[in-house]
Amino acid sequence: MTIRTWVVAFLLLWPLASAGVRAQQPDTAVLSESTKRQAAVPADTASEILDALVRLPLAAVLGAALAVRPRRRGTPPRQPAVIQTQIILAIVGAVVMMVVGTNLARAFGVVGAAGLVRYRAKIADPKDAGVMLSTLALGLASGVGLYAIAIFSGVFILLALWVIESFEPKKRDAFIVKVKIGDDTDSRRGDIEAILRRHRVDFELTSSSDEEVCYDVEVPLELRRARVTNAILKLDPAGHAAVEWAEKKTK
């Protein structure tokens, strides 16, 4: 066969081959409609929960590992509220990424929603800021219809908060206490400190003299200071004792 024959055969068979290939390919309109229907169908609820069951605890563990890492000598101690906030932020990041996935529109939605958060007021506890972001993440999950992720994440965050707050030291009020018991107050220090210990008051002696002793104390929130005052006043039956409480300003 000459080259001319091959060229003619190619020109004759090309339309048939093209038609056969087009016949085997699915209709793009039908395919796009099918893709849209699949995209409209939410992911399997059980699969979402299983993914969250792995991702959220992993984020919490890794966040905790960084938050409670060993402290180098000479560095200031870490605040419990900051440690708790770091763990919460790791969980929030996992929830947000489960909500976003590979959806670019959701990613822009998260950026826009996060931009609405403004901390105009001073937040005393950094953990409260983490809880605010948690509620934002749960709202995003609910808003896009990921109900299983929203519910499971909400329960998980509640459990995480309950666990990390159980390690939080109890809050105490700080005061400066001045005690006067006659002209020999210093000799009654043992009795005064025994009363403070009995009422679970942490104390540190700052000054002592015959006329007055002074302590820096930390009092449990639920303790009524009047009970401590009355117990100290009973040390002087003559009624010449005096107890002065002054709130200590934190730096």
C-alpha atoms as a PDB file:
ATOM      1  CA  MET A   1       0.000   0.000   0.000  1.00  0.00           C
ATOM      2  CA  THR A   2       1.237   3.429  -0.966  1.00  0.00           C
ATOM      3  CA  ILE A   3       1.313   6.445   1.288  1.00  0.00           C
ATOM      4  CA  ARG A   4      -1.634   7.916  -0.626  1.00  0.00           C
ATOM      5  CA  THR A   5      -3.745   4.855   0.256  1.00  0.00           C
ATOM      6  CA  TRP A   6      -2.947   5.234   3.962  1.00  0.00           C
ATOM      7  CA  VAL A   7      -3.876   8.887   3.884  1.00  0.00           C
ATOM      8  CA  VAL A   8      -7.210   8.210   2.168  1.00  0.00           C
ATOM      9  CA  ALA A   9      -8.060   5.385   4.582  1.00  0.00           C
ATOM     10  CA  PHE A  10      -7.250   7.631   7.550  1.00  0.00           C
ATOM     11  CA  LEU A  11      -9.468  10.403   6.234  1.00  0.00           C
ATOM     12  CA  LEU A  12     -12.357   7.990   5.682  1.00  0.00           C
ATOM     13  CA  LEU A  13     -12.096   6.190   9.038  1.00  0.00           C
ATOM     14  CA  TRP A  14     -11.482   9.295  11.197  1.00  0.00           C
ATOM     15  CA  PRO A  15     -15.113  10.433  11.339  1.00  0.00           C
ATOM     16  CA  LEU A  16     -16.267   6.924  12.277  1.00  0.00           C
ATOM     17  CA  ALA A  17     -13.675   6.619  15.017  1.00  0.00           C
ATOM     18  CA  SER A  18     -14.587  10.037  16.410  1.00  0.00           C
ATOM     19  CA  ALA A  19     -18.266   9.138  16.457  1.00  0.00           C
ATOM     20  CA  GLY A  20     -17.534   5.905  18.308  1.00  0.00           C
ATOM     21  CA  VAL A  21     -15.485   7.680  20.951  1.00  0.00           C
ATOM     22  CA  ARG A  22     -18.227  10.282  21.471  1.00  0.00           C
ATOM     23  CA  ALA A  23     -20.801   7.525  21.809  1.00  0.00           C
ATOM     24  CA  GLN A  24     -18.776   5.833  24.554  1.00  0.00           C
ATOM     25  CA  GLN A  25     -18.293   9.066  26.527  1.00  0.00           C
ATOM     26  CA  PRO A  26     -21.105   9.992  28.976  1.00  0.00           C
ATOM     27  CA  ASP A  27     -23.133  13.056  28.359  1.00  0.00           C
ATOM     28  CA  THR A  28     -21.499  15.980  30.181  1.00  0.00           C
ATOM     29  CA  ALA A  29     -24.880  17.472  31.020  1.00  0.00           C
ATOM     30  CA  VAL A  30     -26.013  14.219  32.612  1.00  0.00           C
ATOM     31  CA  LEU A  31     -22.670  13.881  34.402  1.00  0.00           C
ATOM     32  CA  SER A  32     -22.854  17.415  35.775  1.00  0.00           C
ATOM     33  CA  GLU A  33     -26.392  16.839  37.024  1.00  0.00           C
ATOM     34  CA  SER A  34     -25.295  13.616  38.706  1.00  0.00           C
ATOM     35  CA  THR A  35     -22.335  15.386  40.291  1.00  0.00           C
ATOM     36  CA  LYS A  36     -24.591  18.128  41.599  1.00  0.00           C
ATOM     37  CA  ARG A  37     -26.964  15.588  43.097  1.00  0.00           C
ATOM     38  CA  GLN A  38     -24.066  13.791  44.811  1.00  0.00           C
ATOM     39  CA  ALA A  39     -22.729  17.096  46.136  1.00  0.00           C
ATOM     40  CA  ALA A  40     -26.151  17.963  47.487  1.00  0.00           C
ATOM     41  CA  VAL A  41     -26.350  14.704  49.424  1.00  0.00           C
ATOM     42  CA  PRO A  42     -24.679  15.084  52.859  1.00  0.00           C
ATOM     43  CA  ALA A  43     -21.871  12.738  53.845  1.00  0.00           C
ATOM     44  CA  ASP A  44     -22.710   9.625  55.755  1.00  0.00           C
ATOM     45  CA  THR A  45     -23.399  10.499  59.379  1.00  0.00           C
ATOM     46  CA  ALA A  46     -21.591   7.454  60.745  1.00  0.00           C
ATOM     47  CA  SER A  47     -18.509   8.290  58.684  1.00  0.00           C
ATOM     48  CA  GLU A  48     -18.536  11.882  59.978  1.00  0.00           C
ATOM     49  CA  ILE A  49     -18.706  10.727  63.579  1.00  0.00           C
ATOM     50  CA  LEU A  50     -15.919   8.183  63.061  1.00  0.00           C
ATOM     51  CA  ASP A  51     -13.709  10.863  61.514  1.00  0.00           C
ATOM     52  CA  ALA A  52     -14.457  13.241  64.385  1.00  0.00           C
ATOM     53  CA  LEU A  53     -13.815  10.450  66.887  1.00  0.00           C
ATOM     54  CA  VAL A  54     -10.253  10.198  65.585  1.00  0.00           C
ATOM     55  CA  ARG A  55      -9.450  13.799  64.692  1.00  0.00           C
ATOM     56  CA  LEU A  56     -10.729  15.656  67.754  1.00  0.00           C
ATOM     57  CA  PRO A  57      -8.990  13.505  70.408  1.00  0.00           C
ATOM     58  CA  LEU A  58      -5.807  13.574  68.326  1.00  0.00           C
ATOM     59  CA  ALA A  59      -5.936  17.372  68.151  1.00  0.00           C
ATOM     60  CA  ALA A  60      -6.566  17.565  71.907  1.00  0.00           C
ATOM     61  CA  VAL A  61      -3.658  15.239  72.725  1.00  0.00           C
ATOM     62  CA  LEU A  62      -1.206  17.032  70.436  1.00  0.00           C
ATOM     63  CA  GLY A  63      -2.340  20.427  71.716  1.00  0.00           C
ATOM     64  CA  ALA A  64      -1.949  19.258  75.315  1.00  0.00           C
ATOM     65  CA  ALA A  65       1.528  17.896  74.564  1.00  0.00           C
ATOM     66  CA  LEU A  66       2.623  21.339  73.405  1.00  0.00           C
ATOM     67  CA  ALA A  67       0.788  23.218  76.145  1.00  0.00           C
ATOM     68  CA  VAL A  68       2.238  21.201  79.063  1.00  0.00           C
ATOM     69  CA  ARG A  69       5.720  20.716  77.607  1.00  0.00           C
ATOM     70  CA  PRO A  70       8.540  20.693  80.191  1.00  0.00           C
ATOM     71  CA  ARG A  71       9.454  24.176  81.364  1.00  0.00           C
ATOM     72  CA  ARG A  72      13.048  25.282  80.984  1.00  0.00           C
ATOM     73  CA  ARG A  73      14.886  26.411  84.075  1.00  0.00           C
ATOM     74  CA  GLY A  74      14.622  30.124  84.659  1.00  0.00           C
ATOM     75  CA  THR A  75      11.479  30.633  82.584  1.00  0.00           C
ATOM     76  CA  PRO A  76       8.294  31.948  84.250  1.00  0.00           C
ATOM     77  CA  PRO A  77       5.605  29.407  85.213  1.00  0.00           C
ATOM     78  CA  ARG A  78       2.790  28.923  82.727  1.00  0.00           C
ATOM     79  CA  GLN A  79      -0.680  30.116  83.624  1.00  0.00           C
ATOM     80  CA  PRO A  80      -3.347  27.356  83.775  1.00  0.00           C
ATOM     81  CA  ALA A  81      -5.778  29.484  81.769  1.00  0.00           C
ATOM     82  CA  VAL A  82      -3.258  29.835  78.932  1.00  0.00           C
ATOM     83  CA  ILE A  83      -2.618  26.081  78.893  1.00  0.00           C
ATOM     84  CA  GLN A  84      -6.343  25.385  78.717  1.00  0.00           C
ATOM     85  CA  THR A  85      -6.795  27.915  75.905  1.00  0.00           C
ATOM     86  CA  GLN A  86      -4.058  26.294  73.820  1.00  0.00           C
ATOM     87  CA  ILE A  87      -5.759  22.904  74.095  1.00  0.00           C
ATOM     88  CA  ILE A  88      -9.146  24.384  73.191  1.00  0.00           C
ATOM     89  CA  LEU A  89      -7.692  26.152  70.143  1.00  0.00           C
ATOM     90  CA  ALA A  90      -6.255  22.871  68.853  1.00  0.00           C
ATOM     91  CA  ILE A  91      -9.719  21.295  69.066  1.00  0.00           C
ATOM     92  CA  VAL A  92     -11.359  24.329  67.444  1.00  0.00           C
ATOM     93  CA  GLY A  93      -8.878  24.152  64.566  1.00  0.00           C
ATOM     94  CA  ALA A  94      -9.786  20.510  63.958  1.00  0.00           C
ATOM     95  CA  VAL A  95     -13.515  21.286  64.008  1.00  0.00           C
ATOM     96  CA  VAL A  96     -13.115  24.184  61.574  1.00  0.00           C
ATOM     97  CA  MET A  97     -11.088  22.077  59.146  1.00  0.00           C
ATOM     98  CA  MET A  98     -13.696  19.310  59.267  1.00  0.00           C
ATOM     99  CA  VAL A  99     -16.310  21.911  58.415  1.00  0.00           C
ATOM    100  CA  VAL A 100     -14.264  23.448  55.593  1.00  0.00           C
ATOM    101  CA  GLY A 101     -12.802  20.288  54.075  1.00  0.00           C
ATOM    102  CA  THR A 102     -11.905  21.070  50.456  1.00  0.00           C
ATOM    103  CA  ASN A 103     -14.769  23.524  49.997  1.00  0.00           C
ATOM    104  CA  LEU A 104     -13.325  26.899  49.043  1.00  0.00           C
ATOM    105  CA  ALA A 105     -16.620  28.700  49.632  1.00  0.00           C
ATOM    106  CA  ARG A 106     -16.745  27.441  53.220  1.00  0.00           C
ATOM    107  CA  ALA A 107     -13.157  28.563  53.738  1.00  0.00           C
ATOM    108  CA  PHE A 108     -14.065  32.119  52.749  1.00  0.00           C
ATOM    109  CA  GLY A 109     -17.123  31.863  54.975  1.00  0.00           C
ATOM    110  CA  VAL A 110     -14.953  30.923  57.953  1.00  0.00           C
ATOM    111  CA  VAL A 111     -12.665  33.895  57.286  1.00  0.00           C
ATOM    112  CA  GLY A 112     -15.646  36.231  57.096  1.00  0.00           C
ATOM    113  CA  ALA A 113     -17.259  34.840  60.228  1.00  0.00           C
ATOM    114  CA  ALA A 114     -13.991  35.012  62.171  1.00  0.00           C
ATOM    115  CA  GLY A 115     -13.671  38.652  61.148  1.00  0.00           C
ATOM    116  CA  LEU A 116     -16.900  39.403  62.991  1.00  0.00           C
ATOM    117  CA  VAL A 117     -15.300  38.517  66.325  1.00  0.00           C
ATOM    118  CA  ARG A 118     -14.054  41.648  68.055  1.00  0.00           C
ATOM    119  CA  TYR A 119     -12.594  41.610  71.555  1.00  0.00           C
ATOM    120  CA  ARG A 120     -13.364  45.195  72.489  1.00  0.00           C
ATOM    121  CA  ALA A 121     -13.692  44.337  76.179  1.00  0.00           C
ATOM    122  CA  LYS A 122     -10.818  42.976  78.210  1.00  0.00           C
ATOM    123  CA  ILE A 123     -11.168  39.226  78.803  1.00  0.00           C
ATOM    124  CA  ALA A 124      -9.857  38.221  82.217  1.00  0.00           C
ATOM    125  CA  ASP A 125      -9.696  34.499  81.433  1.00  0.00           C
ATOM    126  CA  PRO A 126      -8.100  33.547  78.068  1.00  0.00           C
ATOM    127  CA  LYS A 127     -10.139  30.348  78.186  1.00  0.00           C
ATOM    128  CA  ASP A 128     -13.273  32.414  77.587  1.00  0.00           C
ATOM    129  CA  ALA A 129     -11.817  33.539  74.248  1.00  0.00           C
ATOM    130  CA  GLY A 130     -11.281  29.896  73.331  1.00  0.00           C
ATOM    131  CA  VAL A 131     -14.881  29.090  74.224  1.00  0.00           C
ATOM    132  CA  MET A 132     -16.032  31.973  72.003  1.00  0.00           C
ATOM    133  CA  LEU A 133     -14.148  30.479  69.065  1.00  0.00           C
ATOM    134  CA  SER A 134     -15.615  27.068  69.913  1.00  0.00           C
ATOM    135  CA  THR A 135     -19.134  28.425  69.682  1.00  0.00           C
ATOM    136  CA  LEU A 136     -18.219  30.035  66.354  1.00  0.00           C
ATOM    137  CA  ALA A 137     -16.978  26.691  65.003  1.00  0.00           C
ATOM    138  CA  LEU A 138     -20.137  24.905  66.179  1.00  0.00           C
ATOM    139  CA  GLY A 139     -22.271  27.585  64.560  1.00  0.00           C
ATOM    140  CA  LEU A 140     -20.403  27.179  61.273  1.00  0.00           C
ATOM    141  CA  ALA A 141     -20.869  23.407  61.357  1.00  0.00           C
ATOM    142  CA  SER A 142     -24.583  23.785  62.039  1.00  0.00           C
ATOM    143  CA  GLY A 143     -24.960  26.465  59.380  1.00  0.00           C
ATOM    144  CA  VAL A 144     -23.564  24.309  56.570  1.00  0.00           C
ATOM    145  CA  GLY A 145     -25.688  21.333  57.572  1.00  0.00           C
ATOM    146  CA  LEU A 146     -22.996  19.179  59.203  1.00  0.00           C
ATOM    147  CA  TYR A 147     -25.266  18.345  62.107  1.00  0.00           C
ATOM    148  CA  ALA A 148     -23.440  15.192  63.196  1.00  0.00           C
ATOM    149  CA  ILE A 149     -20.113  17.037  63.383  1.00  0.00           C
ATOM    150  CA  ALA A 150     -21.740  19.957  65.219  1.00  0.00           C
ATOM    151  CA  ILE A 151     -23.367  17.720  67.855  1.00  0.00           C
ATOM    152  CA  PHE A 152     -20.372  15.437  68.361  1.00  0.00           C
ATOM    153  CA  SER A 153     -17.937  18.367  68.484  1.00  0.00           C
ATOM    154  CA  GLY A 154     -20.113  20.205  70.991  1.00  0.00           C
ATOM    155  CA  VAL A 155     -20.210  17.182  73.296  1.00  0.00           C
ATOM    156  CA  PHE A 156     -16.475  16.607  72.898  1.00  0.00           C
ATOM    157  CA  ILE A 157     -15.621  20.244  73.689  1.00  0.00           C
ATOM    158  CA  LEU A 158     -17.842  20.101  76.781  1.00  0.00           C
ATOM    159  CA  LEU A 159     -16.022  16.977  77.986  1.00  0.00           C
ATOM    160  CA  ALA A 160     -12.634  18.540  77.203  1.00  0.00           C
ATOM    161  CA  LEU A 161     -13.522  21.671  79.179  1.00  0.00           C
ATOM    162  CA  TRP A 162     -14.735  19.567  82.100  1.00  0.00           C
ATOM    163  CA  VAL A 163     -11.473  17.590  82.147  1.00  0.00           C
ATOM    164  CA  ILE A 164      -9.055  20.509  81.833  1.00  0.00           C
ATOM    165  CA  GLU A 165     -10.983  22.676  84.300  1.00  0.00           C
ATOM    166  CA  SER A 166     -10.837  19.864  86.864  1.00  0.00           C
ATOM    167  CA  PHE A 167      -7.055  20.431  87.005  1.00  0.00           C
ATOM    168  CA  GLU A 168      -7.462  24.168  87.437  1.00  0.00           C
ATOM    169  CA  PRO A 169      -6.415  25.380  90.902  1.00  0.00           C
ATOM    170  CA  LYS A 170      -9.209  26.811  92.998  1.00  0.00           C
ATOM    171  CA  LYS A 171      -9.512  30.563  92.918  1.00  0.00           C
ATOM    172  CA  ARG A 172      -8.529  32.446  96.050  1.00  0.00           C
ATOM    173  CA  ASP A 173      -8.846  36.035  97.174  1.00  0.00           C
ATOM    174  CA  ALA A 174      -5.639  37.773  98.247  1.00  0.00           C
ATOM    175  CA  PHE A 175      -5.569  40.013 101.324  1.00  0.00           C
ATOM    176  CA  ILE A 176      -3.157  41.670 103.713  1.00  0.00           C
ATOM    177  CA  VAL A 177      -4.127  40.873 107.313  1.00  0.00           C
ATOM    178  CA  LYS A 178      -2.899  42.908 110.269  1.00  0.00           C
ATOM    179  CA  VAL A 179      -3.502  41.541 113.762  1.00  0.00           C
ATOM    180  CA  LYS A 180      -3.039  43.371 117.057  1.00  0.00           C
ATOM    181  CA  ILE A 181      -3.398  41.591 120.397  1.00  0.00           C
ATOM    182  CA  GLY A 182      -2.211  43.821 123.218  1.00  0.00           C
ATOM    183  CA  ASP A 183       1.447  44.649 123.742  1.00  0.00           C
ATOM    184  CA  ASP A 184       2.790  41.146 123.078  1.00  0.00           C
ATOM    185  CA  THR A 185       1.223  40.231 119.757  1.00  0.00           C
ATOM    186  CA  ASP A 186       4.332  38.482 118.450  1.00  0.00           C
ATOM    187  CA  SER A 187       4.069  35.800 121.149  1.00  0.00           C
ATOM    188  CA  ARG A 188       0.594  34.853 119.868  1.00  0.00           C
ATOM    189  CA  ARG A 189       1.759  34.102 116.333  1.00  0.00           C
ATOM    190  CA  GLY A 190       1.414  30.368 116.875  1.00  0.00           C
ATOM    191  CA  ASP A 191      -2.251  30.707 117.881  1.00  0.00           C
ATOM    192  CA  ILE A 192      -3.005  33.062 114.978  1.00  0.00           C
ATOM    193  CA  GLU A 193      -1.382  30.792 112.399  1.00  0.00           C
ATOM    194  CA  ALA A 194      -3.180  27.756 113.822  1.00  0.00           C
ATOM    195  CA  ILE A 195      -6.500  29.524 113.187  1.00  0.00           C
ATOM    196  CA  LEU A 196      -5.453  30.362 109.628  1.00  0.00           C
ATOM    197  CA  ARG A 197      -4.509  26.740 108.944  1.00  0.00           C
ATOM    198  CA  ARG A 198      -7.782  25.483 110.434  1.00  0.00           C
ATOM    199  CA  HIS A 199      -9.711  27.634 107.976  1.00  0.00           C
ATOM    200  CA  ARG A 200      -7.523  26.539 105.026  1.00  0.00           C
ATOM    201  CA  VAL A 201      -6.023  29.982 104.569  1.00  0.00           C
ATOM    202  CA  ASP A 202      -2.624  30.151 102.881  1.00  0.00           C
ATOM    203  CA  PHE A 203      -0.447  32.721 104.598  1.00  0.00           C
ATOM    204  CA  GLU A 204       3.013  34.232 104.589  1.00  0.00           C
ATOM    205  CA  LEU A 205       4.387  36.341 107.423  1.00  0.00           C
ATOM    206  CA  THR A 206       5.584  39.718 106.158  1.00  0.00           C
ATOM    207  CA  SER A 207       6.281  41.600 109.403  1.00  0.00           C
ATOM    208  CA  SER A 208       6.171  40.955 113.118  1.00  0.00           C
ATOM    209  CA  SER A 209       6.529  43.131 116.208  1.00  0.00           C
ATOM    210  CA  ASP A 210       5.250  43.284 119.768  1.00  0.00           C
ATOM    211  CA  GLU A 211       2.385  45.506 118.667  1.00  0.00           C
ATOM    212  CA  GLU A 212       1.381  43.925 115.354  1.00  0.00           C
ATOM    213  CA  VAL A 213       1.865  40.971 113.007  1.00  0.00           C
ATOM    214  CA  CYS A 214       1.163  41.212 109.293  1.00  0.00           C
ATOM    215  CA  TYR A 215       0.432  38.408 106.823  1.00  0.00           C
ATOM    216  CA  ASP A 216      -0.134  38.043 103.104  1.00  0.00           C
ATOM    217  CA  VAL A 217      -3.008  35.564 102.887  1.00  0.00           C
ATOM    218  CA  GLU A 218      -5.010  33.790 100.181  1.00  0.00           C
ATOM    219  CA  VAL A 219      -8.547  32.919 101.225  1.00  0.00           C
ATOM    220  CA  PRO A 220     -10.846  30.350  99.548  1.00  0.00           C
ATOM    221  CA  LEU A 221     -13.750  32.023  97.771  1.00  0.00           C
ATOM    222  CA  GLU A 222     -16.352  30.157  99.803  1.00  0.00           C
ATOM    223  CA  LEU A 223     -14.825  31.118 103.177  1.00  0.00           C
ATOM    224  CA  ARG A 224     -16.461  33.906 105.164  1.00  0.00           C
ATOM    225  CA  ARG A 225     -13.728  36.139 106.534  1.00  0.00           C
ATOM    226  CA  ALA A 226     -15.851  36.984 109.571  1.00  0.00           C
ATOM    227  CA  ARG A 227     -15.319  33.444 110.879  1.00  0.00           C
ATOM    228  CA  VAL A 228     -11.547  33.906 110.819  1.00  0.00           C
ATOM    229  CA  THR A 229     -11.825  37.360 112.374  1.00  0.00           C
ATOM    230  CA  ASN A 230     -14.035  36.159 115.231  1.00  0.00           C
ATOM    231  CA  ALA A 231     -11.722  33.230 115.942  1.00  0.00           C
ATOM    232  CA  ILE A 232      -8.715  35.558 116.212  1.00  0.00           C
ATOM    233  CA  LEU A 233     -10.584  38.072 118.380  1.00  0.00           C
ATOM    234  CA  LYS A 234     -11.406  35.307 120.869  1.00  0.00           C
ATOM    235  CA  LEU A 235      -7.683  34.966 121.568  1.00  0.00           C
ATOM    236  CA  ASP A 236      -7.955  38.149 123.678  1.00  0.00           C
ATOM    237  CA  PRO A 237     -10.744  37.757 126.264  1.00  0.00           C
ATOM    238  CA  ALA A 238     -10.186  41.369 127.361  1.00  0.00           C
ATOM    239  CA  GLY A 239     -11.446  42.535 123.991  1.00  0.00           C
ATOM    240  CA  HIS A 240      -8.410  44.601 122.980  1.00  0.00           C
ATOM    241  CA  ALA A 241      -7.586  42.566 119.848  1.00  0.00           C
ATOM    242  CA  ALA A 242      -8.033  44.024 116.379  1.00  0.00           C
ATOM    243  CA  VAL A 243      -8.000  42.407 112.929  1.00  0.00           C
ATOM    244  CA  GLU A 244      -7.712  44.439 109.743  1.00  0.00           C
ATOM    245  CA  TRP A 245      -8.271  43.021 106.252  1.00  0.00           C
ATOM    246  CA  ALA A 246      -7.003  44.914 103.186  1.00  0.00           C
ATOM    247  CA  GLU A 247      -7.526  43.582  99.687  1.00  0.00           C
ATOM    248  CA  LYS A 248      -4.229  42.929  97.988  1.00  0.00           C
ATOM    249  CA  LYS A 249      -3.992  44.328  94.481  1.00  0.00           C
ATOM    250  CA  THR A 250      -2.674  41.881  91.925  1.00  0.00           C
ATOM    251  CA  LYS A 251       0.056  43.105  89.602  1.00  0.00           C
END
